[in-house]
Amino acid sequence: MTLAPELLEILVCPKCKGDLEHRTGEVESLVCHACALVYPVEDGIPVMLVDEAKPL
């Protein structure tokens, strides 16, 4: 399952409010290069919690 383009346009990093890179593949995720954090996407729902993000 992939995220809707409309949603990707409005999502920003919850920590720095910067742009996110949408990565697809085995694991779908959103990456903030400024904070070096990876936010997971679980069952088509982005988990936009800083505490749940993993280091890049």
PDB file of N, CA and C in Angstrom:
ATOM      1  N   MET A   1       0.852  -1.174   0.000  1.00  0.00           N
ATOM      2  CA  MET A   1       0.000   0.000   0.000  1.00  0.00           C
ATOM      3  C   MET A   1       0.901   1.240   0.000  1.00  0.00           C
ATOM      4  N   THR A   2       0.561   2.198  -0.795  1.00  0.00           N
ATOM      5  CA  THR A   2       1.362   3.413  -0.879  1.00  0.00           C
ATOM      6  C   THR A   2       0.532   4.618  -0.428  1.00  0.00           C
ATOM      7  N   LEU A   3       1.231   5.648  -0.038  1.00  0.00           N
ATOM      8  CA  LEU A   3       0.559   6.850   0.450  1.00  0.00           C
ATOM      9  C   LEU A   3       0.024   7.685  -0.711  1.00  0.00           C
ATOM     10  N   ALA A   4      -1.091   8.342  -0.482  1.00  0.00           N
ATOM     11  CA  ALA A   4      -1.706   9.197  -1.491  1.00  0.00           C
ATOM     12  C   ALA A   4      -0.814  10.404  -1.779  1.00  0.00           C
ATOM     13  N   PRO A   5      -0.692  10.788  -3.045  1.00  0.00           N
ATOM     14  CA  PRO A   5       0.122  11.954  -3.394  1.00  0.00           C
ATOM     15  C   PRO A   5      -0.318  13.231  -2.665  1.00  0.00           C
ATOM     16  N   GLU A   6      -1.619  13.368  -2.425  1.00  0.00           N
ATOM     17  CA  GLU A   6      -2.127  14.552  -1.719  1.00  0.00           C
ATOM     18  C   GLU A   6      -1.595  14.597  -0.278  1.00  0.00           C
ATOM     19  N   LEU A   7      -1.493  13.440   0.341  1.00  0.00           N
ATOM     20  CA  LEU A   7      -0.976  13.366   1.708  1.00  0.00           C
ATOM     21  C   LEU A   7       0.518  13.673   1.732  1.00  0.00           C
ATOM     22  N   LEU A   8       1.251  13.139   0.770  1.00  0.00           N
ATOM     23  CA  LEU A   8       2.696  13.376   0.706  1.00  0.00           C
ATOM     24  C   LEU A   8       3.020  14.854   0.527  1.00  0.00           C
ATOM     25  N   GLU A   9       2.145  15.583  -0.144  1.00  0.00           N
ATOM     26  CA  GLU A   9       2.373  17.020  -0.362  1.00  0.00           C
ATOM     27  C   GLU A   9       2.308  17.821   0.925  1.00  0.00           C
ATOM     28  N   ILE A  10       1.512  17.377   1.896  1.00  0.00           N
ATOM     29  CA  ILE A  10       1.322  18.170   3.109  1.00  0.00           C
ATOM     30  C   ILE A  10       2.114  17.661   4.315  1.00  0.00           C
ATOM     31  N   LEU A  11       2.637  16.425   4.247  1.00  0.00           N
ATOM     32  CA  LEU A  11       3.395  15.903   5.375  1.00  0.00           C
ATOM     33  C   LEU A  11       4.758  16.569   5.487  1.00  0.00           C
ATOM     34  N   VAL A  12       5.123  16.912   6.711  1.00  0.00           N
ATOM     35  CA  VAL A  12       6.452  17.459   7.003  1.00  0.00           C
ATOM     36  C   VAL A  12       6.998  16.754   8.236  1.00  0.00           C
ATOM     37  N   CYS A  13       8.275  16.892   8.459  1.00  0.00           N
ATOM     38  CA  CYS A  13       8.910  16.306   9.635  1.00  0.00           C
ATOM     39  C   CYS A  13       8.339  16.961  10.893  1.00  0.00           C
ATOM     40  N   PRO A  14       7.874  16.169  11.854  1.00  0.00           N
ATOM     41  CA  PRO A  14       7.312  16.757  13.073  1.00  0.00           C
ATOM     42  C   PRO A  14       8.358  17.428  13.961  1.00  0.00           C
ATOM     43  N   LYS A  15       9.624  17.106  13.757  1.00  0.00           N
ATOM     44  CA  LYS A  15      10.687  17.695  14.576  1.00  0.00           C
ATOM     45  C   LYS A  15      11.148  19.052  14.043  1.00  0.00           C
ATOM     46  N   CYS A  16      11.448  19.123  12.733  1.00  0.00           N
ATOM     47  CA  CYS A  16      12.009  20.361  12.170  1.00  0.00           C
ATOM     48  C   CYS A  16      11.093  21.046  11.159  1.00  0.00           C
ATOM     49  N   LYS A  17       9.963  20.399  10.835  1.00  0.00           N
ATOM     50  CA  LYS A  17       9.009  20.905   9.834  1.00  0.00           C
ATOM     51  C   LYS A  17       9.594  20.934   8.425  1.00  0.00           C
ATOM     52  N   GLY A  18      10.652  20.132   8.204  1.00  0.00           N
ATOM     53  CA  GLY A  18      11.297  20.066   6.895  1.00  0.00           C
ATOM     54  C   GLY A  18      10.621  19.067   5.966  1.00  0.00           C
ATOM     55  N   ASP A  19      11.087  19.050   4.725  1.00  0.00           N
ATOM     56  CA  ASP A  19      10.561  18.146   3.708  1.00  0.00           C
ATOM     57  C   ASP A  19      10.938  16.707   4.010  1.00  0.00           C
ATOM     58  N   LEU A  20      10.096  15.792   3.519  1.00  0.00           N
ATOM     59  CA  LEU A  20      10.318  14.366   3.699  1.00  0.00           C
ATOM     60  C   LEU A  20      10.479  13.691   2.346  1.00  0.00           C
ATOM     61  N   GLU A  21      11.353  12.702   2.298  1.00  0.00           N
ATOM     62  CA  GLU A  21      11.517  11.870   1.108  1.00  0.00           C
ATOM     63  C   GLU A  21      10.715  10.595   1.314  1.00  0.00           C
ATOM     64  N   HIS A  22       9.866  10.264   0.362  1.00  0.00           N
ATOM     65  CA  HIS A  22       9.053   9.046   0.441  1.00  0.00           C
ATOM     66  C   HIS A  22       9.843   7.908  -0.178  1.00  0.00           C
ATOM     67  N   ARG A  23      10.115   6.878   0.621  1.00  0.00           N
ATOM     68  CA  ARG A  23      10.832   5.707   0.127  1.00  0.00           C
ATOM     69  C   ARG A  23       9.903   4.507   0.116  1.00  0.00           C
ATOM     70  N   THR A  24       9.931   3.796  -0.995  1.00  0.00           N
ATOM     71  CA  THR A  24       9.159   2.565  -1.112  1.00  0.00           C
ATOM     72  C   THR A  24      10.133   1.431  -1.398  1.00  0.00           C
ATOM     73  N   GLY A  25       9.679   0.259  -1.200  1.00  0.00           N
ATOM     74  CA  GLY A  25      10.515  -0.923  -1.396  1.00  0.00           C
ATOM     75  C   GLY A  25       9.995  -1.996  -0.463  1.00  0.00           C
ATOM     76  N   GLU A  26      10.899  -2.751   0.126  1.00  0.00           N
ATOM     77  CA  GLU A  26      10.469  -3.760   1.104  1.00  0.00           C
ATOM     78  C   GLU A  26       9.726  -3.107   2.252  1.00  0.00           C
ATOM     79  N   VAL A  27      10.265  -1.975   2.709  1.00  0.00           N
ATOM     80  CA  VAL A  27       9.656  -1.234   3.817  1.00  0.00           C
ATOM     81  C   VAL A  27       9.386   0.187   3.347  1.00  0.00           C
ATOM     82  N   GLU A  28       8.159   0.633   3.478  1.00  0.00           N
ATOM     83  CA  GLU A  28       7.805   2.000   3.109  1.00  0.00           C
ATOM     84  C   GLU A  28       8.129   2.922   4.274  1.00  0.00           C
ATOM     85  N   SER A  29       8.720   4.079   3.981  1.00  0.00           N
ATOM     86  CA  SER A  29       9.093   5.007   5.040  1.00  0.00           C
ATOM     87  C   SER A  29       9.164   6.428   4.506  1.00  0.00           C
ATOM     88  N   LEU A  30       9.262   7.367   5.437  1.00  0.00           N
ATOM     89  CA  LEU A  30       9.448   8.784   5.128  1.00  0.00           C
ATOM     90  C   LEU A  30      10.746   9.213   5.804  1.00  0.00           C
ATOM     91  N   VAL A  31      11.621   9.875   5.043  1.00  0.00           N
ATOM     92  CA  VAL A  31      12.948  10.228   5.535  1.00  0.00           C
ATOM     93  C   VAL A  31      13.098  11.737   5.608  1.00  0.00           C
ATOM     94  N   CYS A  32      13.577  12.214   6.756  1.00  0.00           N
ATOM     95  CA  CYS A  32      13.958  13.617   6.915  1.00  0.00           C
ATOM     96  C   CYS A  32      15.479  13.672   6.908  1.00  0.00           C
ATOM     97  N   HIS A  33      16.051  14.251   5.864  1.00  0.00           N
ATOM     98  CA  HIS A  33      17.504  14.328   5.764  1.00  0.00           C
ATOM     99  C   HIS A  33      18.078  15.369   6.723  1.00  0.00           C
ATOM    100  N   ALA A  34      17.328  16.410   7.031  1.00  0.00           N
ATOM    101  CA  ALA A  34      17.807  17.448   7.949  1.00  0.00           C
ATOM    102  C   ALA A  34      18.009  16.899   9.363  1.00  0.00           C
ATOM    103  N   CYS A  35      17.085  16.072   9.820  1.00  0.00           N
ATOM    104  CA  CYS A  35      17.162  15.491  11.167  1.00  0.00           C
ATOM    105  C   CYS A  35      17.811  14.111  11.165  1.00  0.00           C
ATOM    106  N   ALA A  36      18.019  13.545   9.980  1.00  0.00           N
ATOM    107  CA  ALA A  36      18.551  12.190   9.817  1.00  0.00           C
ATOM    108  C   ALA A  36      17.679  11.171  10.547  1.00  0.00           C
ATOM    109  N   LEU A  37      16.355  11.290  10.320  1.00  0.00           N
ATOM    110  CA  LEU A  37      15.399  10.379  10.928  1.00  0.00           C
ATOM    111  C   LEU A  37      14.549   9.704   9.854  1.00  0.00           C
ATOM    112  N   VAL A  38      14.143   8.466  10.153  1.00  0.00           N
ATOM    113  CA  VAL A  38      13.283   7.692   9.255  1.00  0.00           C
ATOM    114  C   VAL A  38      11.995   7.383  10.002  1.00  0.00           C
ATOM    115  N   TYR A  39      10.886   7.836   9.430  1.00  0.00           N
ATOM    116  CA  TYR A  39       9.567   7.588  10.015  1.00  0.00           C
ATOM    117  C   TYR A  39       8.930   6.399   9.300  1.00  0.00           C
ATOM    118  N   PRO A  40       8.473   5.398  10.031  1.00  0.00           N
ATOM    119  CA  PRO A  40       7.889   4.226   9.382  1.00  0.00           C
ATOM    120  C   PRO A  40       6.478   4.499   8.865  1.00  0.00           C
ATOM    121  N   VAL A  41       6.080   3.699   7.886  1.00  0.00           N
ATOM    122  CA  VAL A  41       4.706   3.705   7.386  1.00  0.00           C
ATOM    123  C   VAL A  41       4.184   2.290   7.638  1.00  0.00           C
ATOM    124  N   GLU A  42       3.190   2.183   8.504  1.00  0.00           N
ATOM    125  CA  GLU A  42       2.652   0.880   8.883  1.00  0.00           C
ATOM    126  C   GLU A  42       1.226   0.738   8.369  1.00  0.00           C
ATOM    127  N   ASP A  43       0.996  -0.264   7.527  1.00  0.00           N
ATOM    128  CA  ASP A  43      -0.319  -0.515   6.936  1.00  0.00           C
ATOM    129  C   ASP A  43      -0.890   0.720   6.240  1.00  0.00           C
ATOM    130  N   GLY A  44      -0.016   1.469   5.555  1.00  0.00           N
ATOM    131  CA  GLY A  44      -0.449   2.643   4.813  1.00  0.00           C
ATOM    132  C   GLY A  44      -0.643   3.888   5.652  1.00  0.00           C
ATOM    133  N   ILE A  45      -0.251   3.819   6.935  1.00  0.00           N
ATOM    134  CA  ILE A  45      -0.419   4.969   7.836  1.00  0.00           C
ATOM    135  C   ILE A  45       0.964   5.435   8.301  1.00  0.00           C
ATOM    136  N   PRO A  46       1.338   6.683   8.002  1.00  0.00           N
ATOM    137  CA  PRO A  46       2.633   7.176   8.469  1.00  0.00           C
ATOM    138  C   PRO A  46       2.627   7.391   9.981  1.00  0.00           C
ATOM    139  N   VAL A  47       3.666   6.896  10.631  1.00  0.00           N
ATOM    140  CA  VAL A  47       3.812   7.063  12.078  1.00  0.00           C
ATOM    141  C   VAL A  47       4.726   8.269  12.281  1.00  0.00           C
ATOM    142  N   MET A  48       4.099   9.426  12.481  1.00  0.00           N
ATOM    143  CA  MET A  48       4.843  10.687  12.544  1.00  0.00           C
ATOM    144  C   MET A  48       5.155  11.097  13.980  1.00  0.00           C
ATOM    145  N   LEU A  49       5.721  10.184  14.740  1.00  0.00           N
ATOM    146  CA  LEU A  49       6.115  10.445  16.121  1.00  0.00           C
ATOM    147  C   LEU A  49       7.645  10.415  16.195  1.00  0.00           C
ATOM    148  N   VAL A  50       8.236  11.461  16.728  1.00  0.00           N
ATOM    149  CA  VAL A  50       9.689  11.547  16.819  1.00  0.00           C
ATOM    150  C   VAL A  50      10.239  10.370  17.626  1.00  0.00           C
ATOM    151  N   ASP A  51       9.546   9.964  18.668  1.00  0.00           N
ATOM    152  CA  ASP A  51       9.998   8.852  19.509  1.00  0.00           C
ATOM    153  C   ASP A  51       9.989   7.519  18.757  1.00  0.00           C
ATOM    154  N   GLU A  52       9.187   7.395  17.699  1.00  0.00           N
ATOM    155  CA  GLU A  52       9.089   6.159  16.931  1.00  0.00           C
ATOM    156  C   GLU A  52      10.040   6.149  15.734  1.00  0.00           C
ATOM    157  N   ALA A  53      10.648   7.291  15.417  1.00  0.00           N
ATOM    158  CA  ALA A  53      11.553   7.383  14.282  1.00  0.00           C
ATOM    159  C   ALA A  53      12.880   6.699  14.592  1.00  0.00           C
ATOM    160  N   LYS A  54      13.525   6.234  13.522  1.00  0.00           N
ATOM    161  CA  LYS A  54      14.828   5.581  13.659  1.00  0.00           C
ATOM    162  C   LYS A  54      15.894   6.458  13.012  1.00  0.00           C
ATOM    163  N   PRO A  55      17.121   6.380  13.485  1.00  0.00           N
ATOM    164  CA  PRO A  55      18.197   7.165  12.861  1.00  0.00           C
ATOM    165  C   PRO A  55      18.431   6.702  11.422  1.00  0.00           C
ATOM    166  N   LEU A  56      18.810   7.636  10.579  1.00  0.00           N
ATOM    167  CA  LEU A  56      19.045   7.346   9.157  1.00  0.00           C
ATOM    168  C   LEU A  56      20.284   6.514   8.979  1.00  0.00           C
TER     169      LEU A  56
END
